[in-house]
């Protein structure tokens, strides 16, 4: 589901009730197991998990 939410929490809050429990469990599982330093946020209107520029400032060369 694409959204205009600015945070993962806002995104989950906007989900239909029947999807909230499953998406919350999945989001929590990812957050609790992803390596230190990685971040959760929003990308293209969806939940996103990424390496922040503070760790890898050059990104991927094109």
C-alpha atoms as a PDB file:
ATOM      1  CA  UNK A   1       0.000   0.000   0.000  1.00  0.00           C
ATOM      2  CA  UNK A   2       1.496   3.345  -1.020  1.00  0.00           C
ATOM      3  CA  UNK A   3       1.057   6.171   1.446  1.00  0.00           C
ATOM      4  CA  UNK A   4       1.906   9.799   2.163  1.00  0.00           C
ATOM      5  CA  UNK A   5       2.988   8.840   5.703  1.00  0.00           C
ATOM      6  CA  UNK A   6       6.291  10.333   6.854  1.00  0.00           C
ATOM      7  CA  UNK A   7       7.213   7.595   9.362  1.00  0.00           C
ATOM      8  CA  UNK A   8       6.784   3.818   9.576  1.00  0.00           C
ATOM      9  CA  UNK A   9       4.544   4.313  12.612  1.00  0.00           C
ATOM     10  CA  UNK A  10       2.253   6.666  10.659  1.00  0.00           C
ATOM     11  CA  UNK A  11       2.193   4.192   7.777  1.00  0.00           C
ATOM     12  CA  UNK A  12       1.137   1.321  10.028  1.00  0.00           C
ATOM     13  CA  UNK A  13      -1.480   3.504  11.733  1.00  0.00           C
ATOM     14  CA  UNK A  14      -3.074   4.260   8.343  1.00  0.00           C
ATOM     15  CA  UNK A  15      -3.371   0.599   7.343  1.00  0.00           C
ATOM     16  CA  UNK A  16      -6.743  -1.138   7.345  1.00  0.00           C
ATOM     17  CA  UNK A  17      -7.348  -2.945  10.645  1.00  0.00           C
ATOM     18  CA  UNK A  18      -7.027  -6.387   9.052  1.00  0.00           C
ATOM     19  CA  UNK A  19      -3.439  -5.614   7.953  1.00  0.00           C
ATOM     20  CA  UNK A  20      -2.100  -3.781  11.025  1.00  0.00           C
ATOM     21  CA  UNK A  21      -1.288  -6.838  13.150  1.00  0.00           C
ATOM     22  CA  UNK A  22       0.624  -8.686  10.421  1.00  0.00           C
ATOM     23  CA  UNK A  23       2.557  -5.624   9.214  1.00  0.00           C
ATOM     24  CA  UNK A  24       3.393  -4.583  12.789  1.00  0.00           C
ATOM     25  CA  UNK A  25       4.754  -8.073  13.566  1.00  0.00           C
ATOM     26  CA  UNK A  26       6.837  -8.102  10.391  1.00  0.00           C
ATOM     27  CA  UNK A  27       8.137  -4.559  10.968  1.00  0.00           C
ATOM     28  CA  UNK A  28       9.102  -5.379  14.578  1.00  0.00           C
ATOM     29  CA  UNK A  29      10.834  -8.592  13.483  1.00  0.00           C
ATOM     30  CA  UNK A  30      12.907  -6.718  10.897  1.00  0.00           C
ATOM     31  CA  UNK A  31      13.796  -3.901  13.329  1.00  0.00           C
ATOM     32  CA  UNK A  32      14.847  -6.365  16.031  1.00  0.00           C
ATOM     33  CA  UNK A  33      17.115  -8.367  13.692  1.00  0.00           C
ATOM     34  CA  UNK A  34      18.650  -5.853  11.307  1.00  0.00           C
ATOM     35  CA  UNK A  35      22.309  -4.943  11.842  1.00  0.00           C
ATOM     36  CA  UNK A  36      23.174  -1.976  14.039  1.00  0.00           C
ATOM     37  CA  UNK A  37      23.352   1.294  12.161  1.00  0.00           C
ATOM     38  CA  UNK A  38      20.741   0.476   9.555  1.00  0.00           C
ATOM     39  CA  UNK A  39      17.545   2.515   9.623  1.00  0.00           C
ATOM     40  CA  UNK A  40      13.853   2.131   9.020  1.00  0.00           C
ATOM     41  CA  UNK A  41      11.917   4.829   7.233  1.00  0.00           C
ATOM     42  CA  UNK A  42       9.702   5.486   4.273  1.00  0.00           C
ATOM     43  CA  UNK A  43      10.654   5.092   0.631  1.00  0.00           C
ATOM     44  CA  UNK A  44       8.395   5.484  -2.382  1.00  0.00           C
ATOM     45  CA  UNK A  45       5.379   5.559  -0.065  1.00  0.00           C
ATOM     46  CA  UNK A  46       6.209   2.219   1.591  1.00  0.00           C
ATOM     47  CA  UNK A  47       8.135   0.909   4.561  1.00  0.00           C
ATOM     48  CA  UNK A  48      11.849   0.904   3.811  1.00  0.00           C
ATOM     49  CA  UNK A  49      14.974  -0.390   5.543  1.00  0.00           C
ATOM     50  CA  UNK A  50      18.287   1.052   4.430  1.00  0.00           C
ATOM     51  CA  UNK A  51      21.922   1.946   5.021  1.00  0.00           C
ATOM     52  CA  UNK A  52      21.994   5.666   5.911  1.00  0.00           C
ATOM     53  CA  UNK A  53      24.362   8.071   4.191  1.00  0.00           C
ATOM     54  CA  UNK A  54      26.173   8.576   7.513  1.00  0.00           C
ATOM     55  CA  UNK A  55      27.511   5.015   7.074  1.00  0.00           C
ATOM     56  CA  UNK A  56      27.824   4.884   3.288  1.00  0.00           C
ATOM     57  CA  UNK A  57      27.819   8.504   2.060  1.00  0.00           C
ATOM     58  CA  UNK A  58      28.712   7.807  -1.580  1.00  0.00           C
ATOM     59  CA  UNK A  59      25.820   5.441  -2.142  1.00  0.00           C
ATOM     60  CA  UNK A  60      25.843   3.130  -5.113  1.00  0.00           C
ATOM     61  CA  UNK A  61      27.709   4.475  -8.168  1.00  0.00           C
ATOM     62  CA  UNK A  62      25.617   4.731 -11.307  1.00  0.00           C
END
